[in-house]
């Protein structure tokens, strides 16, 4: 349900490859839309650069941070 890429592997393309593989697996299963969430202090820009669109947010801890919900048509 959750995936974390260690700092040592960030910037290597690993996260993008894992995300693309998940999207492709969903397409093969007939999914038309994918939904995920991340936090503002994590990586919303990572997903947005790959075509994901934010559609909602919720305030969370620590103060000032939010959970961002994103979707992508497959």
PDB file of N, CA and C in Angstrom:
ATOM      1  N   UNK A   1       0.805  -1.198   0.000  1.00  0.00           N
ATOM      2  CA  UNK A   1       0.000   0.000   0.000  1.00  0.00           C
ATOM      3  C   UNK A   1       0.841   1.251   0.000  1.00  0.00           C
ATOM      4  N   UNK A   2       2.057   1.175   0.493  1.00  0.00           N
ATOM      5  CA  UNK A   2       2.916   2.353   0.510  1.00  0.00           C
ATOM      6  C   UNK A   2       4.275   2.000  -0.067  1.00  0.00           C
ATOM      7  N   UNK A   3       4.886   2.991  -0.685  1.00  0.00           N
ATOM      8  CA  UNK A   3       6.199   2.794  -1.279  1.00  0.00           C
ATOM      9  C   UNK A   3       7.088   3.947  -0.883  1.00  0.00           C
ATOM     10  N   UNK A   4       8.316   3.650  -0.559  1.00  0.00           N
ATOM     11  CA  UNK A   4       9.292   4.651  -0.162  1.00  0.00           C
ATOM     12  C   UNK A   4      10.585   4.367  -0.898  1.00  0.00           C
ATOM     13  N   UNK A   5      11.132   5.366  -1.560  1.00  0.00           N
ATOM     14  CA  UNK A   5      12.430   5.233  -2.216  1.00  0.00           C
ATOM     15  C   UNK A   5      13.470   5.868  -1.301  1.00  0.00           C
ATOM     16  N   UNK A   6      14.441   5.099  -0.877  1.00  0.00           N
ATOM     17  CA  UNK A   6      15.487   5.588   0.021  1.00  0.00           C
ATOM     18  C   UNK A   6      16.256   6.736  -0.624  1.00  0.00           C
ATOM     19  N   UNK A   7      16.710   7.654   0.200  1.00  0.00           N
ATOM     20  CA  UNK A   7      17.467   8.812  -0.302  1.00  0.00           C
ATOM     21  C   UNK A   7      18.622   8.405  -1.212  1.00  0.00           C
ATOM     22  N   UNK A   8      19.261   7.298  -0.916  1.00  0.00           N
ATOM     23  CA  UNK A   8      20.417   6.856  -1.710  1.00  0.00           C
ATOM     24  C   UNK A   8      20.040   6.539  -3.155  1.00  0.00           C
ATOM     25  N   UNK A   9      18.759   6.287  -3.409  1.00  0.00           N
ATOM     26  CA  UNK A   9      18.308   5.912  -4.756  1.00  0.00           C
ATOM     27  C   UNK A   9      17.499   7.005  -5.438  1.00  0.00           C
ATOM     28  N   UNK A  10      17.306   8.118  -4.761  1.00  0.00           N
ATOM     29  CA  UNK A  10      16.546   9.216  -5.369  1.00  0.00           C
ATOM     30  C   UNK A  10      17.392   9.897  -6.425  1.00  0.00           C
ATOM     31  N   UNK A  11      16.736  10.329  -7.484  1.00  0.00           N
ATOM     32  CA  UNK A  11      17.439  10.986  -8.574  1.00  0.00           C
ATOM     33  C   UNK A  11      18.060  10.019  -9.574  1.00  0.00           C
ATOM     34  N   UNK A  12      17.836   8.720  -9.367  1.00  0.00           N
ATOM     35  CA  UNK A  12      18.408   7.708 -10.271  1.00  0.00           C
ATOM     36  C   UNK A  12      17.408   7.235 -11.322  1.00  0.00           C
ATOM     37  N   UNK A  13      16.156   7.676 -11.201  1.00  0.00           N
ATOM     38  CA  UNK A  13      15.115   7.211 -12.111  1.00  0.00           C
ATOM     39  C   UNK A  13      14.355   6.009 -11.577  1.00  0.00           C
ATOM     40  N   UNK A  14      14.768   5.479 -10.433  1.00  0.00           N
ATOM     41  CA  UNK A  14      14.109   4.298  -9.874  1.00  0.00           C
ATOM     42  C   UNK A  14      12.643   4.574  -9.566  1.00  0.00           C
ATOM     43  N   UNK A  15      12.351   5.686  -8.913  1.00  0.00           N
ATOM     44  CA  UNK A  15      10.965   6.012  -8.575  1.00  0.00           C
ATOM     45  C   UNK A  15      10.094   6.130  -9.810  1.00  0.00           C
ATOM     46  N   UNK A  16      10.606   6.774 -10.856  1.00  0.00           N
ATOM     47  CA  UNK A  16       9.850   6.920 -12.101  1.00  0.00           C
ATOM     48  C   UNK A  16       9.586   5.566 -12.736  1.00  0.00           C
ATOM     49  N   UNK A  17      10.575   4.674 -12.693  1.00  0.00           N
ATOM     50  CA  UNK A  17      10.385   3.334 -13.276  1.00  0.00           C
ATOM     51  C   UNK A  17       9.361   2.533 -12.485  1.00  0.00           C
ATOM     52  N   UNK A  18       9.399   2.619 -11.171  1.00  0.00           N
ATOM     53  CA  UNK A  18       8.436   1.891 -10.333  1.00  0.00           C
ATOM     54  C   UNK A  18       7.025   2.426 -10.588  1.00  0.00           C
ATOM     55  N   UNK A  19       6.893   3.751 -10.645  1.00  0.00           N
ATOM     56  CA  UNK A  19       5.588   4.352 -10.903  1.00  0.00           C
ATOM     57  C   UNK A  19       5.061   3.930 -12.268  1.00  0.00           C
ATOM     58  N   UNK A  20       5.889   3.990 -13.291  1.00  0.00           N
ATOM     59  CA  UNK A  20       5.475   3.587 -14.644  1.00  0.00           C
ATOM     60  C   UNK A  20       5.070   2.116 -14.685  1.00  0.00           C
ATOM     61  N   UNK A  21       5.797   1.273 -13.975  1.00  0.00           N
ATOM     62  CA  UNK A  21       5.450  -0.153 -13.935  1.00  0.00           C
ATOM     63  C   UNK A  21       4.092  -0.360 -13.268  1.00  0.00           C
ATOM     64  N   UNK A  22       3.824   0.376 -12.208  1.00  0.00           N
ATOM     65  CA  UNK A  22       2.519   0.277 -11.551  1.00  0.00           C
ATOM     66  C   UNK A  22       1.389   0.751 -12.445  1.00  0.00           C
ATOM     67  N   UNK A  23       1.626   1.841 -13.157  1.00  0.00           N
ATOM     68  CA  UNK A  23       0.614   2.347 -14.086  1.00  0.00           C
ATOM     69  C   UNK A  23       0.337   1.332 -15.196  1.00  0.00           C
ATOM     70  N   UNK A  24       1.398   0.741 -15.727  1.00  0.00           N
ATOM     71  CA  UNK A  24       1.228  -0.250 -16.795  1.00  0.00           C
ATOM     72  C   UNK A  24       0.489  -1.484 -16.291  1.00  0.00           C
ATOM     73  N   UNK A  25       0.800  -1.940 -15.090  1.00  0.00           N
ATOM     74  CA  UNK A  25       0.095  -3.093 -14.511  1.00  0.00           C
ATOM     75  C   UNK A  25      -1.390  -2.773 -14.349  1.00  0.00           C
ATOM     76  N   UNK A  26      -1.713  -1.563 -13.943  1.00  0.00           N
ATOM     77  CA  UNK A  26      -3.114  -1.159 -13.794  1.00  0.00           C
ATOM     78  C   UNK A  26      -3.815  -1.141 -15.151  1.00  0.00           C
ATOM     79  N   UNK A  27      -3.145  -0.630 -16.173  1.00  0.00           N
ATOM     80  CA  UNK A  27      -3.730  -0.623 -17.524  1.00  0.00           C
ATOM     81  C   UNK A  27      -4.044  -2.044 -17.999  1.00  0.00           C
ATOM     82  N   UNK A  28      -3.099  -2.963 -17.774  1.00  0.00           N
ATOM     83  CA  UNK A  28      -3.316  -4.358 -18.187  1.00  0.00           C
ATOM     84  C   UNK A  28      -4.521  -4.965 -17.481  1.00  0.00           C
ATOM     85  N   UNK A  29      -4.820  -4.508 -16.294  1.00  0.00           N
ATOM     86  CA  UNK A  29      -5.976  -5.013 -15.545  1.00  0.00           C
ATOM     87  C   UNK A  29      -7.261  -4.292 -15.922  1.00  0.00           C
ATOM     88  N   UNK A  30      -7.166  -3.336 -16.839  1.00  0.00           N
ATOM     89  CA  UNK A  30      -8.361  -2.636 -17.292  1.00  0.00           C
ATOM     90  C   UNK A  30      -8.700  -1.379 -16.505  1.00  0.00           C
ATOM     91  N   UNK A  31      -7.819  -0.933 -15.637  1.00  0.00           N
ATOM     92  CA  UNK A  31      -8.075   0.292 -14.876  1.00  0.00           C
ATOM     93  C   UNK A  31      -7.999   1.494 -15.809  1.00  0.00           C
ATOM     94  N   UNK A  32      -8.846   2.445 -15.575  1.00  0.00           N
ATOM     95  CA  UNK A  32      -8.863   3.658 -16.394  1.00  0.00           C
ATOM     96  C   UNK A  32      -8.334   4.868 -15.643  1.00  0.00           C
ATOM     97  N   UNK A  33      -8.379   4.823 -14.327  1.00  0.00           N
ATOM     98  CA  UNK A  33      -7.922   5.934 -13.501  1.00  0.00           C
ATOM     99  C   UNK A  33      -7.167   5.378 -12.312  1.00  0.00           C
ATOM    100  N   UNK A  34      -6.073   6.052 -11.956  1.00  0.00           N
ATOM    101  CA  UNK A  34      -5.307   5.691 -10.762  1.00  0.00           C
ATOM    102  C   UNK A  34      -5.385   6.846  -9.780  1.00  0.00           C
ATOM    103  N   UNK A  35      -5.398   6.531  -8.494  1.00  0.00           N
ATOM    104  CA  UNK A  35      -5.472   7.533  -7.431  1.00  0.00           C
ATOM    105  C   UNK A  35      -4.401   7.211  -6.399  1.00  0.00           C
ATOM    106  N   UNK A  36      -3.730   8.249  -5.902  1.00  0.00           N
ATOM    107  CA  UNK A  36      -2.761   8.068  -4.831  1.00  0.00           C
ATOM    108  C   UNK A  36      -2.762   9.298  -3.953  1.00  0.00           C
ATOM    109  N   UNK A  37      -2.065   9.194  -2.835  1.00  0.00           N
ATOM    110  CA  UNK A  37      -1.900  10.361  -1.973  1.00  0.00           C
ATOM    111  C   UNK A  37      -0.446  10.473  -1.554  1.00  0.00           C
ATOM    112  N   UNK A  38      -0.041  11.701  -1.309  1.00  0.00           N
ATOM    113  CA  UNK A  38       1.282  12.009  -0.798  1.00  0.00           C
ATOM    114  C   UNK A  38       1.127  13.234   0.087  1.00  0.00           C
ATOM    115  N   UNK A  39       2.175  13.616   0.767  1.00  0.00           N
ATOM    116  CA  UNK A  39       2.124  14.802   1.619  1.00  0.00           C
ATOM    117  C   UNK A  39       2.950  15.922   1.002  1.00  0.00           C
ATOM    118  N   UNK A  40       2.623  17.152   1.377  1.00  0.00           N
ATOM    119  CA  UNK A  40       3.342  18.293   0.821  1.00  0.00           C
ATOM    120  C   UNK A  40       4.830  18.230   1.142  1.00  0.00           C
ATOM    121  N   UNK A  41       5.200  17.615   2.261  1.00  0.00           N
ATOM    122  CA  UNK A  41       6.622  17.511   2.609  1.00  0.00           C
ATOM    123  C   UNK A  41       7.281  16.301   1.949  1.00  0.00           C
ATOM    124  N   UNK A  42       6.517  15.539   1.172  1.00  0.00           N
ATOM    125  CA  UNK A  42       7.077  14.391   0.468  1.00  0.00           C
ATOM    126  C   UNK A  42       7.329  14.754  -0.988  1.00  0.00           C
ATOM    127  N   UNK A  43       6.510  14.281  -1.912  1.00  0.00           N
ATOM    128  CA  UNK A  43       6.890  14.422  -3.323  1.00  0.00           C
ATOM    129  C   UNK A  43       5.746  14.735  -4.282  1.00  0.00           C
ATOM    130  N   UNK A  44       4.865  15.699  -3.987  1.00  0.00           N
ATOM    131  CA  UNK A  44       3.786  15.945  -4.952  1.00  0.00           C
ATOM    132  C   UNK A  44       4.305  16.375  -6.320  1.00  0.00           C
ATOM    133  N   UNK A  45       5.375  17.131  -6.381  1.00  0.00           N
ATOM    134  CA  UNK A  45       5.908  17.587  -7.671  1.00  0.00           C
ATOM    135  C   UNK A  45       6.410  16.413  -8.518  1.00  0.00           C
ATOM    136  N   UNK A  46       6.927  15.379  -7.870  1.00  0.00           N
ATOM    137  CA  UNK A  46       7.375  14.176  -8.585  1.00  0.00           C
ATOM    138  C   UNK A  46       6.234  13.604  -9.421  1.00  0.00           C
ATOM    139  N   UNK A  47       5.054  13.495  -8.815  1.00  0.00           N
ATOM    140  CA  UNK A  47       3.895  12.937  -9.516  1.00  0.00           C
ATOM    141  C   UNK A  47       3.358  13.902 -10.565  1.00  0.00           C
ATOM    142  N   UNK A  48       3.298  15.180 -10.231  1.00  0.00           N
ATOM    143  CA  UNK A  48       2.770  16.164 -11.169  1.00  0.00           C
ATOM    144  C   UNK A  48       3.624  16.222 -12.436  1.00  0.00           C
ATOM    145  N   UNK A  49       4.939  16.084 -12.315  1.00  0.00           N
ATOM    146  CA  UNK A  49       5.812  16.074 -13.497  1.00  0.00           C
ATOM    147  C   UNK A  49       5.536  14.871 -14.385  1.00  0.00           C
ATOM    148  N   UNK A  50       4.901  13.848 -13.835  1.00  0.00           N
ATOM    149  CA  UNK A  50       4.610  12.629 -14.582  1.00  0.00           C
ATOM    150  C   UNK A  50       3.147  12.527 -14.978  1.00  0.00           C
ATOM    151  N   UNK A  51       2.442  13.654 -14.983  1.00  0.00           N
ATOM    152  CA  UNK A  51       1.078  13.686 -15.490  1.00  0.00           C
ATOM    153  C   UNK A  51      -0.023  13.487 -14.475  1.00  0.00           C
ATOM    154  N   UNK A  52       0.301  13.399 -13.198  1.00  0.00           N
ATOM    155  CA  UNK A  52      -0.713  13.253 -12.167  1.00  0.00           C
ATOM    156  C   UNK A  52      -1.287  14.629 -11.829  1.00  0.00           C
ATOM    157  N   UNK A  53      -2.586  14.653 -11.507  1.00  0.00           N
ATOM    158  CA  UNK A  53      -3.301  15.894 -11.233  1.00  0.00           C
ATOM    159  C   UNK A  53      -3.848  15.881  -9.808  1.00  0.00           C
ATOM    160  N   UNK A  54      -3.553  16.931  -9.044  1.00  0.00           N
ATOM    161  CA  UNK A  54      -4.094  17.049  -7.681  1.00  0.00           C
ATOM    162  C   UNK A  54      -5.587  17.350  -7.769  1.00  0.00           C
ATOM    163  N   UNK A  55      -6.376  16.665  -6.907  1.00  0.00           N
ATOM    164  CA  UNK A  55      -7.816  16.920  -6.911  1.00  0.00           C
ATOM    165  C   UNK A  55      -8.374  17.145  -5.523  1.00  0.00           C
ATOM    166  N   UNK A  56      -7.514  17.145  -4.522  1.00  0.00           N
ATOM    167  CA  UNK A  56      -7.984  17.414  -3.168  1.00  0.00           C
ATOM    168  C   UNK A  56      -6.829  17.450  -2.194  1.00  0.00           C
ATOM    169  N   UNK A  57      -7.075  18.066  -1.056  1.00  0.00           N
ATOM    170  CA  UNK A  57      -6.053  18.118  -0.021  1.00  0.00           C
ATOM    171  C   UNK A  57      -6.707  18.225   1.344  1.00  0.00           C
ATOM    172  N   UNK A  58      -5.977  17.762   2.362  1.00  0.00           N
ATOM    173  CA  UNK A  58      -6.456  17.773   3.733  1.00  0.00           C
ATOM    174  C   UNK A  58      -5.307  18.232   4.624  1.00  0.00           C
ATOM    175  N   UNK A  59      -5.586  19.149   5.535  1.00  0.00           N
ATOM    176  CA  UNK A  59      -4.579  19.589   6.503  1.00  0.00           C
ATOM    177  C   UNK A  59      -4.132  18.396   7.345  1.00  0.00           C
ATOM    178  N   UNK A  60      -2.838  18.362   7.670  1.00  0.00           N
ATOM    179  CA  UNK A  60      -2.319  17.283   8.505  1.00  0.00           C
ATOM    180  C   UNK A  60      -1.189  17.816   9.373  1.00  0.00           C
ATOM    181  N   UNK A  61      -0.566  16.949  10.139  1.00  0.00           N
ATOM    182  CA  UNK A  61       0.567  17.328  10.977  1.00  0.00           C
ATOM    183  C   UNK A  61       1.844  17.082  10.202  1.00  0.00           C
ATOM    184  N   UNK A  62       2.874  17.839  10.430  1.00  0.00           N
ATOM    185  CA  UNK A  62       2.946  19.006  11.316  1.00  0.00           C
ATOM    186  C   UNK A  62       2.138  20.175  10.754  1.00  0.00           C
ATOM    187  N   UNK A  63       1.829  21.136  11.610  1.00  0.00           N
ATOM    188  CA  UNK A  63       1.013  22.277  11.166  1.00  0.00           C
ATOM    189  C   UNK A  63       1.559  22.900   9.877  1.00  0.00           C
ATOM    190  N   UNK A  64       0.636  23.219   8.975  1.00  0.00           N
ATOM    191  CA  UNK A  64       1.010  23.816   7.702  1.00  0.00           C
ATOM    192  C   UNK A  64       1.192  22.810   6.581  1.00  0.00           C
ATOM    193  N   UNK A  65       1.276  21.537   6.910  1.00  0.00           N
ATOM    194  CA  UNK A  65       1.429  20.495   5.891  1.00  0.00           C
ATOM    195  C   UNK A  65       0.060  19.962   5.487  1.00  0.00           C
ATOM    196  N   UNK A  66       0.007  19.323   4.316  1.00  0.00           N
ATOM    197  CA  UNK A  66      -1.248  18.769   3.804  1.00  0.00           C
ATOM    198  C   UNK A  66      -0.997  17.407   3.173  1.00  0.00           C
ATOM    199  N   UNK A  67      -2.034  16.590   3.164  1.00  0.00           N
ATOM    200  CA  UNK A  67      -2.061  15.378   2.363  1.00  0.00           C
ATOM    201  C   UNK A  67      -2.688  15.788   1.038  1.00  0.00           C
ATOM    202  N   UNK A  68      -2.025  15.432  -0.053  1.00  0.00           N
ATOM    203  CA  UNK A  68      -2.484  15.777  -1.393  1.00  0.00           C
ATOM    204  C   UNK A  68      -2.970  14.504  -2.085  1.00  0.00           C
ATOM    205  N   UNK A  69      -4.185  14.541  -2.632  1.00  0.00           N
ATOM    206  CA  UNK A  69      -4.724  13.422  -3.386  1.00  0.00           C
ATOM    207  C   UNK A  69      -4.530  13.714  -4.870  1.00  0.00           C
ATOM    208  N   UNK A  70      -3.996  12.747  -5.591  1.00  0.00           N
ATOM    209  CA  UNK A  70      -3.709  12.912  -7.028  1.00  0.00           C
ATOM    210  C   UNK A  70      -4.347  11.784  -7.825  1.00  0.00           C
ATOM    211  N   UNK A  71      -4.657  12.077  -9.090  1.00  0.00           N
ATOM    212  CA  UNK A  71      -5.217  11.073  -9.985  1.00  0.00           C
ATOM    213  C   UNK A  71      -4.572  11.194 -11.352  1.00  0.00           C
ATOM    214  N   UNK A  72      -4.656  10.106 -12.091  1.00  0.00           N
ATOM    215  CA  UNK A  72      -4.150  10.096 -13.456  1.00  0.00           C
ATOM    216  C   UNK A  72      -5.009   9.173 -14.295  1.00  0.00           C
ATOM    217  N   UNK A  73      -5.439   9.663 -15.443  1.00  0.00           N
ATOM    218  CA  UNK A  73      -6.152   8.812 -16.392  1.00  0.00           C
ATOM    219  C   UNK A  73      -5.120   7.883 -17.022  1.00  0.00           C
ATOM    220  N   UNK A  74      -5.475   6.614 -17.090  1.00  0.00           N
ATOM    221  CA  UNK A  74      -4.584   5.638 -17.663  1.00  0.00           C
ATOM    222  C   UNK A  74      -4.978   5.325 -19.079  1.00  0.00           C
TER     223      UNK A  74
END
